C-alpha atoms as a PDB file:
ATOM      1  CA  MET A   1      98.580  65.905 106.590  1.00  0.00           C
ATOM      2  CA  GLN A   2     100.815  67.918 108.896  1.00  0.00           C
ATOM      3  CA  VAL A   3     100.404  71.677 109.280  1.00  0.00           C
ATOM      4  CA  TYR A   4     103.564  73.765 109.715  1.00  0.00           C
ATOM      5  CA  CYS A   5     103.932  77.369 110.880  1.00  0.00           C
ATOM      6  CA  PHE A   6     106.614  79.928 110.030  1.00  0.00           C
ATOM      7  CA  ASN A   7     107.309  83.654 110.087  1.00  0.00           C
ATOM      8  CA  PRO A   8     106.897  84.997 106.508  1.00  0.00           C
ATOM      9  CA  LEU A   9     109.402  87.780 107.183  1.00  0.00           C
ATOM     10  CA  HIS A  10     112.076  85.160 107.825  1.00  0.00           C
ATOM     11  CA  ASP A  11     111.203  82.819 104.957  1.00  0.00           C
ATOM     12  CA  ALA A  12     112.697  83.441 101.518  1.00  0.00           C
ATOM     13  CA  ARG A  13     109.783  81.630  99.864  1.00  0.00           C
ATOM     14  CA  TRP A  14     107.158  84.176 100.887  1.00  0.00           C
ATOM     15  CA  PRO A  15     107.697  87.059  98.397  1.00  0.00           C
ATOM     16  CA  ASP A  16     107.579  84.775  95.342  1.00  0.00           C
ATOM     17  CA  PHE A  17     104.586  82.892  96.743  1.00  0.00           C
ATOM     18  CA  VAL A  18     102.625  86.116  97.287  1.00  0.00           C
ATOM     19  CA  GLU A  19     103.582  87.528  93.900  1.00  0.00           C
ATOM     20  CA  ALA A  20     102.333  84.417  92.102  1.00  0.00           C
ATOM     21  CA  HIS A  21      99.210  83.629  94.128  1.00  0.00           C
ATOM     22  CA  PRO A  22      95.922  84.817  92.561  1.00  0.00           C
ATOM     23  CA  LYS A  23      94.328  85.559  95.960  1.00  0.00           C
ATOM     24  CA  ALA A  24      97.174  87.685  97.309  1.00  0.00           C
ATOM     25  CA  SER A  25      96.831  91.420  97.875  1.00  0.00           C
ATOM     26  CA  THR A  26      98.958  94.220  99.280  1.00  0.00           C
ATOM     27  CA  PHE A  27      98.007  93.036 102.756  1.00  0.00           C
ATOM     28  CA  HIS A  28      99.894  89.754 102.186  1.00  0.00           C
ATOM     29  CA  THR A  29     103.176  91.387 101.168  1.00  0.00           C
ATOM     30  CA  THR A  30     106.339  91.469 103.243  1.00  0.00           C
ATOM     31  CA  GLU A  31     106.153  95.287 103.159  1.00  0.00           C
ATOM     32  CA  TRP A  32     102.754  95.319 104.888  1.00  0.00           C
ATOM     33  CA  LEU A  33     103.779  92.640 107.405  1.00  0.00           C
ATOM     34  CA  ARG A  34     106.955  94.566 108.216  1.00  0.00           C
ATOM     35  CA  LEU A  35     104.811  97.669 108.788  1.00  0.00           C
ATOM     36  CA  LEU A  36     102.635  95.814 111.320  1.00  0.00           C
ATOM     37  CA  GLU A  37     105.729  94.469 113.039  1.00  0.00           C
ATOM     38  CA  ARG A  38     107.582  97.784 113.276  1.00  0.00           C
ATOM     39  CA  ALA A  39     104.609  99.990 114.155  1.00  0.00           C
ATOM     40  CA  TYR A  40     102.888  97.740 116.709  1.00  0.00           C
ATOM     41  CA  GLU A  41     105.284  94.811 117.291  1.00  0.00           C
ATOM     42  CA  TYR A  42     102.806  92.293 115.867  1.00  0.00           C
ATOM     43  CA  GLU A  43     104.510  89.033 114.903  1.00  0.00           C
ATOM     44  CA  PRO A  44     103.473  87.585 111.505  1.00  0.00           C
ATOM     45  CA  VAL A  45     102.891  83.833 111.310  1.00  0.00           C
ATOM     46  CA  ALA A  46     101.644  81.635 108.459  1.00  0.00           C
ATOM     47  CA  TYR A  47     100.264  78.097 108.562  1.00  0.00           C
ATOM     48  CA  THR A  48     100.760  75.749 105.623  1.00  0.00           C
ATOM     49  CA  THR A  49     100.759  72.078 104.659  1.00  0.00           C
ATOM     50  CA  SER A  50     104.031  72.637 102.768  1.00  0.00           C
ATOM     51  CA  ALA A  51     107.067  71.269 104.578  1.00  0.00           C
ATOM     52  CA  PRO A  52     109.904  73.666 105.509  1.00  0.00           C
ATOM     53  CA  GLY A  53     112.092  74.320 102.485  1.00  0.00           C
ATOM     54  CA  GLY A  54     109.532  72.873 100.080  1.00  0.00           C
ATOM     55  CA  LEU A  55     107.405  74.720  97.531  1.00  0.00           C
ATOM     56  CA  LEU A  56     104.653  76.716  99.195  1.00  0.00           C
ATOM     57  CA  ILE A  57     101.233  75.661  97.879  1.00  0.00           C
ATOM     58  CA  ASN A  58      98.937  77.283 100.463  1.00  0.00           C
ATOM     59  CA  ALA A  59      99.017  79.560 103.492  1.00  0.00           C
ATOM     60  CA  LEU A  60      96.798  81.008 106.190  1.00  0.00           C
ATOM     61  CA  LEU A  61      98.337  84.274 107.383  1.00  0.00           C
ATOM     62  CA  PHE A  62      97.974  85.838 110.852  1.00  0.00           C
ATOM     63  CA  CYS A  63      99.624  88.244 113.224  1.00  0.00           C
ATOM     64  CA  ARG A  64     100.269  87.314 116.838  1.00  0.00           C
ATOM     65  CA  ILE A  65      99.011  90.141 119.048  1.00  0.00           C
ATOM     66  CA  ARG A  66     100.072  90.097 122.680  1.00  0.00           C
ATOM     67  CA  SER A  67      98.200  92.795 124.584  1.00  0.00           C
ATOM     68  CA  TRP A  68      97.650  93.264 128.310  1.00  0.00           C
ATOM     69  CA  LEU A  69      94.438  95.159 127.440  1.00  0.00           C
ATOM     70  CA  THR A  70      92.725  93.006 124.794  1.00  0.00           C
ATOM     71  CA  GLY A  71      94.534  89.718 125.337  1.00  0.00           C
ATOM     72  CA  ARG A  72      96.672  87.390 123.242  1.00  0.00           C
ATOM     73  CA  ARG A  73      95.073  86.980 119.833  1.00  0.00           C
ATOM     74  CA  LEU A  74      95.637  85.625 116.329  1.00  0.00           C
ATOM     75  CA  VAL A  75      94.220  88.053 113.769  1.00  0.00           C
ATOM     76  CA  SER A  76      94.271  87.772 109.984  1.00  0.00           C
ATOM     77  CA  LEU A  77      95.238  90.609 109.669  1.00  0.00           C
ATOM     78  CA  PRO A  78      95.140  93.601 112.044  1.00  0.00           C
ATOM     79  CA  PHE A  79      94.504  97.015 110.475  1.00  0.00           C
ATOM     80  CA  SER A  80      93.784  95.260 107.165  1.00  0.00           C
ATOM     81  CA  ASP A  81      90.330  95.490 105.593  1.00  0.00           C
ATOM     82  CA  HIS A  82      90.630  91.905 104.436  1.00  0.00           C
ATOM     83  CA  CYS A  83      93.123  89.047 104.228  1.00  0.00           C
ATOM     84  CA  GLU A  84      92.003  86.263 101.927  1.00  0.00           C
ATOM     85  CA  PRO A  85      93.185  82.768 102.922  1.00  0.00           C
ATOM     86  CA  MET A  86      95.495  81.562 100.176  1.00  0.00           C
ATOM     87  CA  VAL A  87      93.783  78.201  99.772  1.00  0.00           C
ATOM     88  CA  GLU A  88      91.884  76.355  97.053  1.00  0.00           C
ATOM     89  CA  ASN A  89      88.632  75.705  98.908  1.00  0.00           C
ATOM     90  CA  LEU A  90      86.823  75.542 102.248  1.00  0.00           C
ATOM     91  CA  ALA A  91      88.142  72.060 103.013  1.00  0.00           C
ATOM     92  CA  GLU A  92      91.733  73.274 102.697  1.00  0.00           C
ATOM     93  CA  LEU A  93      90.954  76.276 104.878  1.00  0.00           C
ATOM     94  CA  GLN A  94      89.482  74.032 107.576  1.00  0.00           C
ATOM     95  CA  ARG A  95      92.587  71.839 107.412  1.00  0.00           C
ATOM     96  CA  LEU A  96      94.925  74.785 107.965  1.00  0.00           C
ATOM     97  CA  LEU A  97      92.729  76.144 110.753  1.00  0.00           C
ATOM     98  CA  GLU A  98      93.219  73.013 112.832  1.00  0.00           C
ATOM     99  CA  ALA A  99      96.631  74.115 114.130  1.00  0.00           C
ATOM    100  CA  PRO A 100      95.753  77.659 115.302  1.00  0.00           C
ATOM    101  CA  LEU A 101      92.436  76.458 116.748  1.00  0.00           C
ATOM    102  CA  GLU A 102      94.241  73.778 118.714  1.00  0.00           C
ATOM    103  CA  GLU A 103      96.566  76.485 120.056  1.00  0.00           C
ATOM    104  CA  GLN A 104      93.495  78.492 121.076  1.00  0.00           C
ATOM    105  CA  ARG A 105      91.925  75.521 122.836  1.00  0.00           C
ATOM    106  CA  LYS A 106      95.141  75.036 124.800  1.00  0.00           C
ATOM    107  CA  GLY A 107      94.915  78.621 126.040  1.00  0.00           C
ATOM    108  CA  GLN A 108      97.601  80.226 123.883  1.00  0.00           C
ATOM    109  CA  TRP A 109      95.118  82.650 122.308  1.00  0.00           C
ATOM    110  CA  LYS A 110      91.991  84.391 123.525  1.00  0.00           C
ATOM    111  CA  TYR A 111      90.560  83.945 120.043  1.00  0.00           C
ATOM    112  CA  VAL A 112      91.438  83.417 116.382  1.00  0.00           C
ATOM    113  CA  GLU A 113      89.986  85.854 113.829  1.00  0.00           C
ATOM    114  CA  LEU A 114      89.722  85.617 110.028  1.00  0.00           C
ATOM    115  CA  ARG A 115      88.951  88.480 107.618  1.00  0.00           C
ATOM    116  CA  PRO A 116      88.379  86.786 104.242  1.00  0.00           C
ATOM    117  CA  ILE A 117      86.869  88.322 101.128  1.00  0.00           C
ATOM    118  CA  THR A 118      85.114  85.057 100.232  1.00  0.00           C
ATOM    119  CA  SER A 119      81.970  85.182 102.368  1.00  0.00           C
ATOM    120  CA  ALA A 120      81.230  81.516 101.582  1.00  0.00           C
ATOM    121  CA  TYR A 121      84.012  80.596 104.001  1.00  0.00           C
ATOM    122  CA  ALA A 122      81.657  81.593 106.823  1.00  0.00           C
ATOM    123  CA  ASN A 123      79.149  78.886 105.854  1.00  0.00           C
ATOM    124  CA  GLY A 124      79.461  75.927 108.148  1.00  0.00           C
ATOM    125  CA  VAL A 125      82.631  77.250 109.785  1.00  0.00           C
ATOM    126  CA  GLU A 126      81.570  79.610 112.565  1.00  0.00           C
ATOM    127  CA  LYS A 127      79.185  82.413 113.274  1.00  0.00           C
ATOM    128  CA  CYS A 128      80.433  85.760 112.089  1.00  0.00           C
ATOM    129  CA  VAL A 129      81.445  88.445 114.544  1.00  0.00           C
ATOM    130  CA  GLU A 130      81.166  91.455 112.269  1.00  0.00           C
ATOM    131  CA  GLU A 131      79.821  92.243 108.819  1.00  0.00           C
ATOM    132  CA  TYR A 132      80.968  95.086 106.590  1.00  0.00           C
ATOM    133  CA  ALA A 133      80.104  96.433 103.175  1.00  0.00           C
ATOM    134  CA  PHE A 134      83.026  95.963 100.797  1.00  0.00           C
ATOM    135  CA  HIS A 135      83.143  98.077  97.615  1.00  0.00           C
ATOM    136  CA  HIS A 136      85.269  97.688  94.523  1.00  0.00           C
ATOM    137  CA  LEU A 137      85.164  99.488  91.189  1.00  0.00           C
ATOM    138  CA  ASP A 138      85.723  97.831  87.818  1.00  0.00           C
ATOM    139  CA  LEU A 139      88.236 100.035  85.970  1.00  0.00           C
ATOM    140  CA  GLN A 140      88.068  98.216  82.631  1.00  0.00           C
ATOM    141  CA  PRO A 141      85.516 100.564  80.985  1.00  0.00           C
ATOM    142  CA  LYS A 142      86.727 103.779  79.355  1.00  0.00           C
ATOM    143  CA  LEU A 143      87.096 106.802  81.620  1.00  0.00           C
ATOM    144  CA  ASP A 144      84.111 108.568  80.025  1.00  0.00           C
ATOM    145  CA  ASP A 145      81.953 105.502  80.618  1.00  0.00           C
ATOM    146  CA  LEU A 146      83.109 105.296  84.239  1.00  0.00           C
ATOM    147  CA  TYR A 147      82.297 108.962  84.724  1.00  0.00           C
ATOM    148  CA  GLN A 148      78.787 108.551  83.354  1.00  0.00           C
ATOM    149  CA  LYS A 149      78.094 105.806  85.922  1.00  0.00           C
ATOM    150  CA  PHE A 150      78.758 108.197  88.801  1.00  0.00           C
ATOM    151  CA  ASP A 151      75.664 109.550  90.515  1.00  0.00           C
ATOM    152  CA  GLY A 152      74.752 112.841  88.835  1.00  0.00           C
ATOM    153  CA  ASP A 153      73.856 114.910  91.885  1.00  0.00           C
ATOM    154  CA  SER A 154      76.149 113.614  94.613  1.00  0.00           C
ATOM    155  CA  ILE A 155      79.258 112.876  92.523  1.00  0.00           C
ATOM    156  CA  ARG A 156      79.442 114.439  89.042  1.00  0.00           C
ATOM    157  CA  ARG A 157      77.974 117.744  90.139  1.00  0.00           C
ATOM    158  CA  ARG A 158      80.355 117.957  93.087  1.00  0.00           C
ATOM    159  CA  ILE A 159      83.362 117.175  90.894  1.00  0.00           C
ATOM    160  CA  GLN A 160      82.297 119.996  88.585  1.00  0.00           C
ATOM    161  CA  ARG A 161      81.818 122.292  91.581  1.00  0.00           C
ATOM    162  CA  ALA A 162      85.370 121.530  92.742  1.00  0.00           C
ATOM    163  CA  GLN A 163      86.706 122.330  89.302  1.00  0.00           C
ATOM    164  CA  ARG A 164      84.819 125.642  89.178  1.00  0.00           C
ATOM    165  CA  ALA A 165      86.068 126.499  92.674  1.00  0.00           C
ATOM    166  CA  GLY A 166      89.645 126.115  91.439  1.00  0.00           C
ATOM    167  CA  LEU A 167      90.621 123.285  93.765  1.00  0.00           C
ATOM    168  CA  THR A 168      94.088 121.860  93.189  1.00  0.00           C
ATOM    169  CA  ILE A 169      95.565 118.467  94.047  1.00  0.00           C
ATOM    170  CA  GLU A 170      99.112 117.637  95.070  1.00  0.00           C
ATOM    171  CA  ALA A 171     100.183 113.998  95.202  1.00  0.00           C
ATOM    172  CA  GLY A 172     103.294 112.472  96.724  1.00  0.00           C
ATOM    173  CA  ARG A 173     104.737 111.192  99.991  1.00  0.00           C
ATOM    174  CA  SER A 174     106.733 114.149 101.336  1.00  0.00           C
ATOM    175  CA  PRO A 175     106.853 115.031 105.055  1.00  0.00           C
ATOM    176  CA  GLU A 176     104.866 118.172 104.261  1.00  0.00           C
ATOM    177  CA  LEU A 177     102.055 116.171 102.619  1.00  0.00           C
ATOM    178  CA  LEU A 178     102.038 113.724 105.507  1.00  0.00           C
ATOM    179  CA  GLU A 179     101.703 116.622 107.963  1.00  0.00           C
ATOM    180  CA  GLU A 180      98.758 118.074 106.049  1.00  0.00           C
ATOM    181  CA  PHE A 181      97.122 114.664 105.742  1.00  0.00           C
ATOM    182  CA  TYR A 182      97.545 113.919 109.443  1.00  0.00           C
ATOM    183  CA  ASP A 183      96.129 117.263 110.570  1.00  0.00           C
ATOM    184  CA  LEU A 184      92.994 116.529 108.529  1.00  0.00           C
ATOM    185  CA  HIS A 185      92.944 112.945 109.848  1.00  0.00           C
ATOM    186  CA  VAL A 186      92.853 114.218 113.445  1.00  0.00           C
ATOM    187  CA  VAL A 187      90.054 116.666 112.593  1.00  0.00           C
ATOM    188  CA  THR A 188      88.044 113.914 110.906  1.00  0.00           C
ATOM    189  CA  ARG A 189      88.467 111.374 113.697  1.00  0.00           C
ATOM    190  CA  ARG A 190      87.417 113.967 116.252  1.00  0.00           C
ATOM    191  CA  ARG A 191      84.306 114.663 114.181  1.00  0.00           C
ATOM    192  CA  GLN A 192      83.638 110.907 114.247  1.00  0.00           C
ATOM    193  CA  LYS A 193      84.289 110.912 118.017  1.00  0.00           C
ATOM    194  CA  LEU A 194      87.171 108.466 117.656  1.00  0.00           C
ATOM    195  CA  PRO A 195      90.883 108.784 118.462  1.00  0.00           C
ATOM    196  CA  PRO A 196      93.179 109.247 115.447  1.00  0.00           C
ATOM    197  CA  HIS A 197      95.697 106.650 114.394  1.00  0.00           C
ATOM    198  CA  PRO A 198      99.133 107.495 115.813  1.00  0.00           C
ATOM    199  CA  LYS A 199     101.225 109.629 113.530  1.00  0.00           C
ATOM    200  CA  PHE A 200     103.993 107.047 113.759  1.00  0.00           C
ATOM    201  CA  TRP A 201     101.663 104.531 112.029  1.00  0.00           C
ATOM    202  CA  PHE A 202     101.680 106.656 108.890  1.00  0.00           C
ATOM    203  CA  GLN A 203     105.385 107.439 109.200  1.00  0.00           C
ATOM    204  CA  HIS A 204     106.163 103.713 109.375  1.00  0.00           C
ATOM    205  CA  MET A 205     103.807 103.183 106.445  1.00  0.00           C
ATOM    206  CA  LEU A 206     105.815 105.569 104.290  1.00  0.00           C
ATOM    207  CA  ASN A 207     109.093 103.991 105.413  1.00  0.00           C
ATOM    208  CA  CYS A 208     107.990 100.368 104.939  1.00  0.00           C
ATOM    209  CA  LEU A 209     105.823 100.683 101.826  1.00  0.00           C
ATOM    210  CA  GLY A 210     107.741 103.462 100.085  1.00  0.00           C
ATOM    211  CA  GLN A 211     106.563 104.033  96.521  1.00  0.00           C
ATOM    212  CA  MET A 212     103.450 101.944  97.182  1.00  0.00           C
ATOM    213  CA  VAL A 213     101.932 104.823  99.181  1.00  0.00           C
ATOM    214  CA  THR A 214     100.519 108.018  97.720  1.00  0.00           C
ATOM    215  CA  ILE A 215      99.036 110.921  99.667  1.00  0.00           C
ATOM    216  CA  ARG A 216      96.722 113.236  97.738  1.00  0.00           C
ATOM    217  CA  VAL A 217      95.782 116.595  99.214  1.00  0.00           C
ATOM    218  CA  ALA A 218      93.070 118.866  97.778  1.00  0.00           C
ATOM    219  CA  ARG A 219      93.531 122.583  98.409  1.00  0.00           C
ATOM    220  CA  LYS A 220      91.485 125.725  98.070  1.00  0.00           C
ATOM    221  CA  ALA A 221      93.683 128.802  97.598  1.00  0.00           C
ATOM    222  CA  GLY A 222      96.574 126.817  99.084  1.00  0.00           C
ATOM    223  CA  ARG A 223      94.646 125.628 102.134  1.00  0.00           C
ATOM    224  CA  PRO A 224      94.334 121.824 102.636  1.00  0.00           C
ATOM    225  CA  ILE A 225      90.644 120.889 102.789  1.00  0.00           C
ATOM    226  CA  ALA A 226      90.632 117.116 102.074  1.00  0.00           C
ATOM    227  CA  ALA A 227      93.118 114.285 101.690  1.00  0.00           C
ATOM    228  CA  ILE A 228      93.276 110.580 100.883  1.00  0.00           C
ATOM    229  CA  LEU A 229      95.949 107.909 101.233  1.00  0.00           C
ATOM    230  CA  THR A 230      96.183 105.041  98.741  1.00  0.00           C
ATOM    231  CA  ILE A 231      98.345 101.918  98.538  1.00  0.00           C
ATOM    232  CA  GLU A 232      99.212 100.163  95.310  1.00  0.00           C
ATOM    233  CA  ASN A 233     101.491  97.544  93.881  1.00  0.00           C
ATOM    234  CA  GLN A 234     101.432  95.705  90.570  1.00  0.00           C
ATOM    235  CA  ARG A 235      98.461  93.623  91.721  1.00  0.00           C
ATOM    236  CA  THR A 236      96.136  95.926  93.649  1.00  0.00           C
ATOM    237  CA  PHE A 237      95.154  99.567  94.106  1.00  0.00           C
ATOM    238  CA  ILE A 238      93.604 100.287  97.505  1.00  0.00           C
ATOM    239  CA  TYR A 239      91.903 103.371  98.900  1.00  0.00           C
ATOM    240  CA  LYS A 240      92.897 103.163 102.585  1.00  0.00           C
ATOM    241  CA  TYR A 241      92.219 106.453 104.380  1.00  0.00           C
ATOM    242  CA  GLY A 242      90.277 109.629 103.704  1.00  0.00           C
ATOM    243  CA  CYS A 243      89.859 112.804 105.744  1.00  0.00           C
ATOM    244  CA  SER A 244      88.513 116.300 105.314  1.00  0.00           C
ATOM    245  CA  ASP A 245      87.649 119.637 106.883  1.00  0.00           C
ATOM    246  CA  ALA A 246      83.849 119.715 107.199  1.00  0.00           C
ATOM    247  CA  ARG A 247      83.782 123.501 106.786  1.00  0.00           C
ATOM    248  CA  PHE A 248      84.679 123.035 103.101  1.00  0.00           C
ATOM    249  CA  HIS A 249      82.536 120.001 102.213  1.00  0.00           C
ATOM    250  CA  ASN A 250      80.395 122.155  99.946  1.00  0.00           C
ATOM    251  CA  LEU A 251      83.403 122.563  97.610  1.00  0.00           C
ATOM    252  CA  GLY A 252      83.483 118.862  96.702  1.00  0.00           C
ATOM    253  CA  GLY A 253      87.055 118.151  97.762  1.00  0.00           C
ATOM    254  CA  MET A 254      86.573 114.452  98.496  1.00  0.00           C
ATOM    255  CA  PRO A 255      84.773 113.591  95.211  1.00  0.00           C
ATOM    256  CA  PHE A 256      87.457 115.593  93.402  1.00  0.00           C
ATOM    257  CA  LEU A 257      90.165 113.479  95.065  1.00  0.00           C
ATOM    258  CA  PHE A 258      88.326 110.229  94.315  1.00  0.00           C
ATOM    259  CA  TRP A 259      88.043 111.149  90.637  1.00  0.00           C
ATOM    260  CA  ASN A 260      91.769 111.927  90.526  1.00  0.00           C
ATOM    261  CA  MET A 261      92.493 108.595  92.242  1.00  0.00           C
ATOM    262  CA  ILE A 262      90.362 106.693  89.728  1.00  0.00           C
ATOM    263  CA  GLN A 263      92.111 108.379  86.819  1.00  0.00           C
ATOM    264  CA  SER A 264      95.526 107.534  88.303  1.00  0.00           C
ATOM    265  CA  ALA A 265      94.602 103.891  88.926  1.00  0.00           C
ATOM    266  CA  LYS A 266      93.260 103.583  85.395  1.00  0.00           C
ATOM    267  CA  ALA A 267      96.364 105.207  83.893  1.00  0.00           C
ATOM    268  CA  ALA A 268      98.599 102.795  85.841  1.00  0.00           C
ATOM    269  CA  GLY A 269      96.853  99.861  84.182  1.00  0.00           C
ATOM    270  CA  HIS A 270      94.835  98.592  87.131  1.00  0.00           C
ATOM    271  CA  THR A 271      91.592  96.822  86.309  1.00  0.00           C
ATOM    272  CA  GLN A 272      89.997  97.116  89.759  1.00  0.00           C
ATOM    273  CA  LEU A 273      89.977  99.663  92.562  1.00  0.00           C
ATOM    274  CA  ASP A 274      89.554  98.418  96.135  1.00  0.00           C
ATOM    275  CA  LEU A 275      87.535 100.989  98.085  1.00  0.00           C
ATOM    276  CA  GLY A 276      87.763  99.052 101.328  1.00  0.00           C
ATOM    277  CA  ARG A 277      85.278  98.213 104.016  1.00  0.00           C
ATOM    278  CA  SER A 278      82.523 100.295 105.585  1.00  0.00           C
ATOM    279  CA  ARG A 279      80.457  99.507 108.639  1.00  0.00           C
ATOM    280  CA  VAL A 280      76.975  98.575 107.464  1.00  0.00           C
ATOM    281  CA  GLU A 281      75.444 100.995 109.976  1.00  0.00           C
ATOM    282  CA  ASN A 282      77.471 103.866 108.457  1.00  0.00           C
ATOM    283  CA  HIS A 283      74.822 104.546 105.837  1.00  0.00           C
ATOM    284  CA  GLY A 284      76.403 107.793 104.662  1.00  0.00           C
ATOM    285  CA  LEU A 285      79.735 106.193 103.763  1.00  0.00           C
ATOM    286  CA  VAL A 286      78.112 103.117 102.216  1.00  0.00           C
ATOM    287  CA  THR A 287      75.877 105.325 100.063  1.00  0.00           C
ATOM    288  CA  PHE A 288      78.808 107.535  99.058  1.00  0.00           C
ATOM    289  CA  LYS A 289      80.713 104.498  97.776  1.00  0.00           C
ATOM    290  CA  ASP A 290      77.588 103.131  96.079  1.00  0.00           C
ATOM    291  CA  HIS A 291      77.293 106.349  94.080  1.00  0.00           C
ATOM    292  CA  TRP A 292      80.567 105.683  92.228  1.00  0.00           C
ATOM    293  CA  GLY A 293      79.135 102.843  90.144  1.00  0.00           C
ATOM    294  CA  THR A 294      80.841 100.294  92.378  1.00  0.00           C
ATOM    295  CA  SER A 295      79.994  96.701  93.165  1.00  0.00           C
ATOM    296  CA  ARG A 296      79.175  95.971  96.783  1.00  0.00           C
ATOM    297  CA  GLN A 297      79.512  92.669  98.610  1.00  0.00           C
ATOM    298  CA  LYS A 298      79.327  91.485 102.188  1.00  0.00           C
ATOM    299  CA  LEU A 299      82.618  91.215 104.040  1.00  0.00           C
ATOM    300  CA  VAL A 300      82.345  88.737 106.909  1.00  0.00           C
ATOM    301  CA  TYR A 301      84.815  88.518 109.788  1.00  0.00           C
ATOM    302  CA  MET A 302      84.845  85.238 111.726  1.00  0.00           C
ATOM    303  CA  ARG A 303      86.039  84.549 115.224  1.00  0.00           C
ATOM    304  CA  TYR A 304      86.792  81.335 117.089  1.00  0.00           C
ATOM    305  CA  PRO A 305      85.215  81.121 119.581  1.00  0.00           C
ATOM    306  CA  PRO A 306      82.594  83.728 118.643  1.00  0.00           C
ATOM    307  CA  HIS A 307      81.757  86.382 121.210  1.00  0.00           C
ATOM    308  CA  LYS A 308      80.866  90.018 121.380  1.00  0.00           C
ATOM    309  CA  ASP A 309      83.767  92.308 120.546  1.00  0.00           C
ATOM    310  CA  ILE A 310      84.588  94.960 123.157  1.00  0.00           C
ATOM    311  CA  THR A 311      84.914  97.487 120.309  1.00  0.00           C
ATOM    312  CA  ASP A 312      81.420  96.783 118.959  1.00  0.00           C
ATOM    313  CA  GLY A 313      79.885 100.129 118.068  1.00  0.00           C
ATOM    314  CA  GLN A 314      76.666  99.228 119.914  1.00  0.00           C
ATOM    315  CA  THR A 315      78.239  98.658 123.345  1.00  0.00           C
ATOM    316  CA  TYR A 316      77.614 101.103 126.153  1.00  0.00           C
ATOM    317  CA  PRO A 317      81.332 101.578 127.054  1.00  0.00           C
ATOM    318  CA  LEU A 318      82.228 102.655 123.529  1.00  0.00           C
ATOM    319  CA  ARG A 319      79.268 105.026 123.319  1.00  0.00           C
ATOM    320  CA  MET A 320      80.433 106.648 126.530  1.00  0.00           C
ATOM    321  CA  ALA A 321      84.028 106.735 125.263  1.00  0.00           C
ATOM    322  CA  LYS A 322      82.924 108.462 122.053  1.00  0.00           C
ATOM    323  CA  MET A 323      81.272 111.169 124.115  1.00  0.00           C
ATOM    324  CA  VAL A 324      84.615 111.774 125.814  1.00  0.00           C
ATOM    325  CA  PHE A 325      86.594 111.587 122.554  1.00  0.00           C
ATOM    326  CA  GLY A 326      84.328 114.201 120.962  1.00  0.00           C
ATOM    327  CA  SER A 327      85.168 116.756 123.642  1.00  0.00           C
ATOM    328  CA  CYS A 328      88.915 116.085 124.092  1.00  0.00           C
ATOM    329  CA  PRO A 329      91.515 118.610 122.914  1.00  0.00           C
ATOM    330  CA  ASN A 330      93.418 117.394 119.859  1.00  0.00           C
ATOM    331  CA  ARG A 331      96.647 116.777 121.786  1.00  0.00           C
ATOM    332  CA  ILE A 332      94.795 114.554 124.282  1.00  0.00           C
ATOM    333  CA  LEU A 333      92.999 112.740 121.482  1.00  0.00           C
ATOM    334  CA  ARG A 334      96.330 112.045 119.764  1.00  0.00           C
ATOM    335  CA  ALA A 335      97.790 110.692 122.997  1.00  0.00           C
ATOM    336  CA  ILE A 336      94.791 108.380 123.438  1.00  0.00           C
ATOM    337  CA  GLY A 337      95.287 107.064 119.903  1.00  0.00           C
ATOM    338  CA  CYS A 338      98.955 106.303 120.614  1.00  0.00           C
ATOM    339  CA  LEU A 339      97.957 104.350 123.728  1.00  0.00           C
ATOM    340  CA  LEU A 340      94.970 102.471 122.306  1.00  0.00           C
ATOM    341  CA  TYR A 341      95.818 101.443 118.745  1.00  0.00           C
ATOM    342  CA  PRO A 342      98.522  98.867 119.566  1.00  0.00           C
ATOM    343  CA  HIS A 343      95.817  96.958 121.484  1.00  0.00           C
ATOM    344  CA  ILE A 344      92.881  97.113 119.048  1.00  0.00           C
ATOM    345  CA  GLY A 345      94.260  95.734 115.782  1.00  0.00           C
END
């Protein structure tokens, strides 16, 4: 059976296919693919056994990344926590993989990377490169029942503390909210000794995704102290980014924002909240997400051929880089982010 490839942004079949497919998420949509293309010039490409012009029945989605720093790569998908292959089973996945793997063997790509939700796809396919903890929250119970499942000390008590402290939340997608969010994002990434995402990434996100994006900012006496960015469509509700000012952590701004997000997702009729990936070695973040009554599963990224990633948190170069990032002025750190992020998707 022949495998065909096409650019989803130039194929009229793609939006209807994504809308109807049970394994599709926001990361499969034309809006998200257009964001990756405009922000970082990544070229979307999908592989399928469906002939051009025929009904799409399956697809394996990638972006072509051409970088002088990290090489030419096929990634499914960059800057996306996960991208489930839209196939029926492992056999179909292996069939679709034949074409990109042949391209890799011929030297077109340094490697091919998959980021599926279904961890069983890793069995008998290749060794994994990275493993993450992936959390999601079932929103079907009543709000009171959801609230009672939150950890009493680390979540419910901090929500109550935020309420007593008079914290307020503003939600929207205005330039002013984006500015407040990004300032907190820079502060947070510096605390983590990492460069911030370029501001233009978030600006493109607002332009490409529009009403799908919501920024929520928590304030104390008018001062922004924490913020989150979520993405939603009719199918999925995703927590994508969070940031805060550590000087005000005792006020419970982040739990307060999460509770507001959960209420909003529930009110919009969503049955599940995607809380995204966390590095397994980031015990604090994994525990924080555990405390919301979530379900946790292993998220496995696979690479062909498998090898150690230059961005692996255990490598000596990155440890040295983090020492530098932690001491850089904010303007330098922002400039580093603008230079690096197009190469590390």
